[in-house]
Amino acid sequence: MILDNDILHVEISEKGAEIVSLSKHGVQYLWNADANYWNRHAPILFPIVGRLCENKYRWGGREYPMNQHGFARDSRFAPTGNRGEMRLVEKPSKDVYPFDFDLSVCYELEGNRVKALWKVVNTDDQEMCFQIGAHPGFMLPQYDENEMIHGYLRFYDKKGNRIDPQEHSSLEDGLRVHRAVPQTLSEDGELAIMGLTFRHGAIIYENGQVAAVELLDQNRNKILSVQCDQAEAFGIWAPYKMGCPFVCIEPWCGIADRKDFTGDISQRDYIHKLQPGGTFEFGYSITIG
């Protein structure tokens, strides 16, 4: 699927309904999925965000295996006939996910902004448990691995105020741990993107502190912003590899399991519960420039 206006060109794959190209006046901003670093562009995370403890969850007295970030990112979506809209048509068996549901995503261009709206509908006769999130990766402009700093991130709350988010966790083998680590933010609340920034994995700002993140170049010129007022957490991540020229800015309604978690899926942190016939919508936007 291709969406165009006078400013943006966006391409969406039927696999995972994933944006695979986002360019403005011919300049590409989305990560190119180079498998030497990370072979994805902007996957949809559903019905879990992050990794499950022991890669399984419990529901109704049974255990169900599930890989990190769930199945939607590798499943086939098909256009619905409405502009910019796709619907999940390749669903897993009940041995993977025991709920009946519908999942659709609609992309819309508005000037220099692409908006994504995902809709989850519980078509089952039981309560449905799920999480959902976004995982877009962005090129770091004028990347030079010999430079100490490759760019900056700036954070905002729901009122549009600049903030210095204080509480964060990180991942250990994909599972969440709270760390007493030195602040990585500068005095004015910017996170410098350096070779060592992600040595402990993703940096996770929880508790709905962050509603928007700006990506700046080395001279602090704004490149783009990711906005999601719904976000319960924002993950900031890149592979800890030499020469990695991109960063992911990830708004989530959900989060990875704590390292010691042993409960069932309904007890996971930031889990969402949808009653039969209920609908949940999750939206975020990417603004270029």
Protein backbone atom coordinates (compact mmCIF):
# COMPACT_ATOMS: atom_id res chain seq x y z
CA MET A 1 0.00 0.00 0.00
CA ILE A 2 1.29 3.47 -0.91
CA LEU A 3 0.17 6.81 0.51
CA ASP A 4 1.31 10.11 -0.98
CA ASN A 5 0.73 13.80 -0.56
CA ASP A 6 2.74 16.82 -1.65
CA ILE A 7 5.21 16.28 1.20
CA LEU A 8 5.36 12.63 2.31
CA HIS A 9 5.63 9.27 0.59
CA VAL A 10 4.73 6.24 2.74
CA GLU A 11 4.84 2.55 1.84
CA ILE A 12 3.14 -0.12 3.97
CA SER A 13 3.73 -3.86 3.69
CA GLU A 14 0.98 -6.46 3.94
CA LYS A 15 3.30 -8.39 6.25
CA GLY A 16 2.58 -6.95 9.66
CA ALA A 17 0.95 -3.79 8.20
CA GLU A 18 4.40 -2.33 8.81
CA ILE A 19 5.54 1.01 7.42
CA VAL A 20 8.60 0.13 5.33
CA SER A 21 9.33 3.56 3.83
CA LEU A 22 8.76 7.09 5.07
CA SER A 23 10.29 9.85 3.00
CA LYS A 24 9.86 13.59 2.75
CA HIS A 25 10.70 15.19 -0.59
CA GLY A 26 12.74 12.11 -1.46
CA VAL A 27 14.73 11.93 1.80
CA GLN A 28 14.29 8.65 3.69
CA TYR A 29 13.73 8.87 7.46
CA LEU A 30 12.77 5.29 8.34
CA TRP A 31 15.38 2.66 9.17
CA ASN A 32 16.19 0.45 6.16
CA ALA A 33 16.00 -2.96 7.95
CA ASP A 34 19.65 -3.83 7.37
CA ALA A 35 19.84 -7.32 8.92
CA ASN A 36 23.36 -6.65 10.18
CA TYR A 37 21.72 -4.51 12.85
CA TRP A 38 17.93 -5.06 12.89
CA ASN A 39 15.83 -6.53 10.09
CA ARG A 40 12.64 -4.56 10.69
CA HIS A 41 11.36 -1.03 10.04
CA ALA A 42 8.38 -0.23 12.29
CA PRO A 43 6.61 -3.39 13.51
CA ILE A 44 3.29 -3.50 15.31
CA LEU A 45 3.61 -5.09 18.75
CA PHE A 46 0.53 -7.21 19.55
CA PRO A 47 -0.82 -8.93 21.65
CA ILE A 48 2.22 -8.38 23.88
CA VAL A 49 4.87 -5.70 24.18
CA GLY A 50 8.35 -6.97 24.94
CA ARG A 51 9.28 -10.41 26.12
CA LEU A 52 7.40 -12.79 28.38
CA CYS A 53 9.14 -14.42 31.31
CA GLU A 54 10.27 -17.85 29.99
CA ASN A 55 8.63 -16.87 26.66
CA LYS A 56 5.20 -18.04 27.81
CA TYR A 57 2.10 -16.74 29.53
CA ARG A 58 -0.61 -18.35 31.59
CA TRP A 59 -4.38 -18.13 31.12
CA GLY A 60 -7.22 -20.34 32.36
CA GLY A 61 -4.86 -22.86 33.92
CA ARG A 62 -2.85 -23.35 30.70
CA GLU A 63 0.52 -22.14 29.48
CA TYR A 64 0.89 -20.59 26.03
CA PRO A 65 4.21 -19.98 24.25
CA MET A 66 4.75 -16.62 22.56
CA ASN A 67 7.80 -14.93 21.15
CA GLN A 68 8.87 -11.39 21.98
CA HIS A 69 6.42 -8.67 20.83
CA GLY A 70 3.76 -11.18 19.72
CA PHE A 71 2.58 -12.43 16.35
CA ALA A 72 1.07 -9.42 14.54
CA ARG A 73 4.40 -8.19 13.19
CA ASP A 74 4.86 -11.43 11.22
CA SER A 75 1.23 -11.94 10.17
CA ARG A 76 -0.51 -10.95 6.96
CA PHE A 77 -2.81 -7.95 6.76
CA ALA A 78 -5.01 -7.12 3.77
CA PRO A 79 -6.43 -3.80 2.56
CA THR A 80 -10.06 -3.29 3.55
CA GLY A 81 -10.97 -0.99 0.67
CA ASN A 82 -10.92 2.09 2.89
CA ARG A 83 -7.99 4.39 2.14
CA GLY A 84 -4.97 3.59 4.27
CA GLU A 85 -6.69 0.78 6.19
CA MET A 86 -5.56 -2.84 6.58
CA ARG A 87 -6.99 -5.71 8.59
CA LEU A 88 -5.28 -8.73 10.11
CA VAL A 89 -6.33 -11.80 8.10
CA GLU A 90 -3.73 -14.33 9.28
CA LYS A 91 -4.60 -15.18 12.87
CA PRO A 92 -2.90 -17.75 15.10
CA SER A 93 -4.52 -20.88 16.47
CA LYS A 94 -6.12 -20.96 19.89
CA ASP A 95 -3.04 -22.85 21.09
CA VAL A 96 -1.13 -19.57 20.67
CA TYR A 97 -3.75 -16.97 21.64
CA PRO A 98 -7.06 -18.18 23.11
CA PHE A 99 -9.18 -15.13 22.24
CA ASP A 100 -11.31 -14.26 19.22
CA PHE A 101 -10.59 -10.73 18.03
CA ASP A 102 -10.23 -8.34 15.11
CA LEU A 103 -7.21 -6.08 14.58
CA SER A 104 -7.02 -3.30 12.00
CA VAL A 105 -4.72 -0.35 11.34
CA CYS A 106 -5.40 2.84 9.43
CA TYR A 107 -2.66 5.19 8.22
CA GLU A 108 -3.39 8.79 7.27
CA LEU A 109 -1.20 11.59 5.95
CA GLU A 110 -1.71 15.11 7.24
CA GLY A 111 0.85 17.54 5.85
CA ASN A 112 4.25 16.42 7.13
CA ARG A 113 2.70 13.96 9.60
CA VAL A 114 1.73 10.30 9.28
CA LYS A 115 -0.91 9.15 11.75
CA ALA A 116 -1.52 5.54 12.70
CA LEU A 117 -4.68 4.30 14.40
CA TRP A 118 -5.00 0.67 15.46
CA LYS A 119 -8.30 -0.84 16.50
CA VAL A 120 -8.73 -3.98 18.60
CA VAL A 121 -12.20 -5.54 18.83
CA ASN A 122 -13.04 -8.39 21.21
CA THR A 123 -15.28 -10.75 19.22
CA ASP A 124 -15.08 -13.45 21.91
CA ASP A 125 -17.54 -14.22 24.71
CA GLN A 126 -14.85 -13.85 27.38
CA GLU A 127 -12.66 -11.02 28.60
CA MET A 128 -9.64 -10.50 26.34
CA CYS A 129 -6.15 -9.60 27.63
CA PHE A 130 -3.63 -7.84 25.40
CA GLN A 131 -1.03 -5.11 24.98
CA ILE A 132 -0.21 -3.05 21.90
CA GLY A 133 2.62 -0.78 20.88
CA ALA A 134 4.71 0.73 18.10
CA HIS A 135 8.38 0.12 17.30
CA PRO A 136 9.51 2.54 14.55
CA GLY A 137 13.20 2.93 13.80
CA PHE A 138 14.71 6.12 12.35
CA MET A 139 17.93 6.90 10.54
CA LEU A 140 20.41 9.08 12.41
CA PRO A 141 21.19 11.97 10.03
CA GLN A 142 24.78 12.43 8.86
CA TYR A 143 25.84 9.45 10.96
CA ASP A 144 29.59 9.16 11.51
CA GLU A 145 30.73 6.35 13.80
CA ASN A 146 33.89 8.31 14.59
CA GLU A 147 31.84 11.04 16.28
CA MET A 148 31.12 10.73 20.00
CA ILE A 149 27.51 11.98 19.78
CA HIS A 150 25.19 10.98 16.93
CA GLY A 151 22.16 13.03 17.92
CA TYR A 152 19.87 13.85 20.82
CA LEU A 153 16.40 12.99 22.09
CA ARG A 154 14.14 15.54 23.76
CA PHE A 155 11.08 14.62 25.85
CA TYR A 156 7.65 16.20 26.36
CA ASP A 157 4.59 15.51 28.49
CA LYS A 158 0.94 15.53 27.42
CA LYS A 159 0.71 19.31 27.85
CA GLY A 160 3.64 19.86 25.50
CA ASN A 161 6.05 20.81 28.26
CA ARG A 162 9.72 19.85 28.05
CA ILE A 163 10.47 17.28 30.74
CA ASP A 164 13.38 15.37 32.21
CA PRO A 165 11.85 11.91 32.78
CA GLN A 166 13.34 10.45 35.94
CA GLU A 167 11.99 6.95 36.33
CA HIS A 168 13.18 4.37 33.91
CA SER A 169 14.00 0.70 33.73
CA SER A 170 16.06 -1.31 31.32
CA LEU A 171 16.09 -4.83 29.99
CA GLU A 172 18.15 -7.84 30.99
CA ASP A 173 17.79 -10.72 28.54
CA GLY A 174 14.67 -8.93 27.28
CA LEU A 175 13.04 -8.79 30.73
CA ARG A 176 12.49 -5.66 32.77
CA VAL A 177 14.69 -4.69 35.68
CA HIS A 178 14.87 -1.46 37.64
CA ARG A 179 18.36 -0.06 37.75
CA ALA A 180 20.03 2.57 39.93
CA VAL A 181 22.14 3.94 37.09
CA PRO A 182 23.61 7.43 36.66
CA GLN A 183 21.36 9.78 34.75
CA THR A 184 22.14 9.70 31.04
CA LEU A 185 20.28 12.95 30.39
CA SER A 186 22.01 16.30 30.03
CA GLU A 187 21.23 19.24 32.29
CA ASP A 188 18.46 20.40 29.96
CA GLY A 189 16.85 16.96 29.80
CA GLU A 190 18.21 15.71 26.49
CA LEU A 191 19.42 12.16 25.96
CA ALA A 192 22.61 12.03 23.91
CA ILE A 193 22.77 9.12 21.45
CA MET A 194 26.25 7.66 21.79
CA GLY A 195 27.95 4.33 21.26
CA LEU A 196 27.42 3.35 24.92
CA THR A 197 23.87 4.66 25.34
CA PHE A 198 22.24 1.25 24.86
CA ARG A 199 24.85 -0.93 26.51
CA HIS A 200 22.15 -2.10 28.97
CA GLY A 201 19.53 -2.52 26.24
CA ALA A 202 16.41 -0.42 25.84
CA ILE A 203 15.83 2.58 28.10
CA ILE A 204 12.23 2.56 29.27
CA TYR A 205 10.35 5.57 30.64
CA GLU A 206 7.26 4.35 32.47
CA ASN A 207 4.14 5.67 34.19
CA GLY A 208 2.90 7.80 31.29
CA GLN A 209 5.55 10.45 31.87
CA VAL A 210 6.42 10.86 28.18
CA ALA A 211 3.90 11.74 25.47
CA ALA A 212 6.26 12.89 22.72
CA VAL A 213 9.92 12.44 21.80
CA GLU A 214 11.89 14.59 19.37
CA LEU A 215 14.92 13.34 17.46
CA LEU A 216 17.58 16.02 16.98
CA ASP A 217 20.77 15.95 14.95
CA GLN A 218 24.26 16.60 16.38
CA ASN A 219 23.64 20.36 16.18
CA ARG A 220 20.28 20.00 17.95
CA ASN A 221 18.24 20.70 14.83
CA LYS A 222 14.89 18.91 14.99
CA ILE A 223 14.59 15.97 12.59
CA LEU A 224 11.26 14.41 13.58
CA SER A 225 8.99 13.70 16.51
CA VAL A 226 6.94 10.74 17.69
CA GLN A 227 3.80 11.59 19.63
CA CYS A 228 1.43 9.35 21.59
CA ASP A 229 -0.66 10.78 24.41
CA GLN A 230 -1.86 7.26 25.26
CA ALA A 231 1.60 5.87 25.88
CA GLU A 232 1.98 4.18 29.25
CA ALA A 233 5.66 3.77 28.50
CA PHE A 234 8.17 4.87 25.87
CA GLY A 235 11.03 2.59 24.91
CA ILE A 236 14.22 4.03 23.39
CA TRP A 237 16.44 1.40 21.78
CA ALA A 238 19.12 0.54 19.28
CA PRO A 239 21.29 -2.58 19.04
CA TYR A 240 24.48 -2.27 21.03
CA LYS A 241 26.71 -2.70 17.97
CA MET A 242 29.51 -0.64 16.53
CA GLY A 243 28.40 1.64 13.72
CA CYS A 244 24.67 1.35 14.42
CA PRO A 245 23.16 4.31 12.49
CA PHE A 246 19.56 4.36 13.78
CA VAL A 247 17.42 4.65 16.89
CA CYS A 248 13.95 3.36 17.74
CA ILE A 249 11.41 5.59 19.51
CA GLU A 250 8.62 3.32 20.75
CA PRO A 251 5.28 4.33 22.33
CA TRP A 252 3.64 1.44 24.15
CA CYS A 253 0.40 0.50 25.83
CA GLY A 254 2.13 -2.39 27.53
CA ILE A 255 5.60 -3.43 28.66
CA ALA A 256 7.91 -6.45 28.99
CA ASP A 257 7.54 -8.79 31.95
CA ARG A 258 9.49 -8.16 35.10
CA LYS A 259 12.32 -10.64 35.44
CA ASP A 260 10.64 -12.34 38.41
CA PHE A 261 7.05 -12.36 37.06
CA THR A 262 5.10 -15.59 37.60
CA GLY A 263 1.43 -14.51 37.35
CA ASP A 264 -1.07 -15.08 34.58
CA ILE A 265 -1.55 -12.74 31.63
CA SER A 266 -4.26 -10.72 33.40
CA GLN A 267 -1.71 -9.76 36.09
CA ARG A 268 1.02 -8.45 33.75
CA ASP A 269 2.04 -4.81 34.19
CA TYR A 270 0.16 -2.44 31.86
CA ILE A 271 -2.14 -5.21 30.63
CA HIS A 272 -5.38 -4.20 28.91
CA LYS A 273 -8.63 -6.05 29.42
CA LEU A 274 -11.43 -5.79 26.88
CA GLN A 275 -14.94 -7.04 27.52
CA PRO A 276 -16.87 -9.03 24.87
CA GLY A 277 -17.89 -6.70 22.06
CA GLY A 278 -15.54 -3.99 23.33
CA THR A 279 -13.20 -1.86 21.21
CA PHE A 280 -9.80 -0.38 22.05
CA GLU A 281 -8.07 2.20 19.86
CA PHE A 282 -4.38 3.07 19.96
CA GLY A 283 -2.98 5.95 17.96
CA TYR A 284 0.36 7.63 17.44
CA SER A 285 1.94 9.94 14.91
CA ILE A 286 5.31 10.69 13.30
CA THR A 287 5.97 14.26 12.25
CA ILE A 288 8.90 14.97 9.94
CA GLY A 289 10.66 18.28 10.51
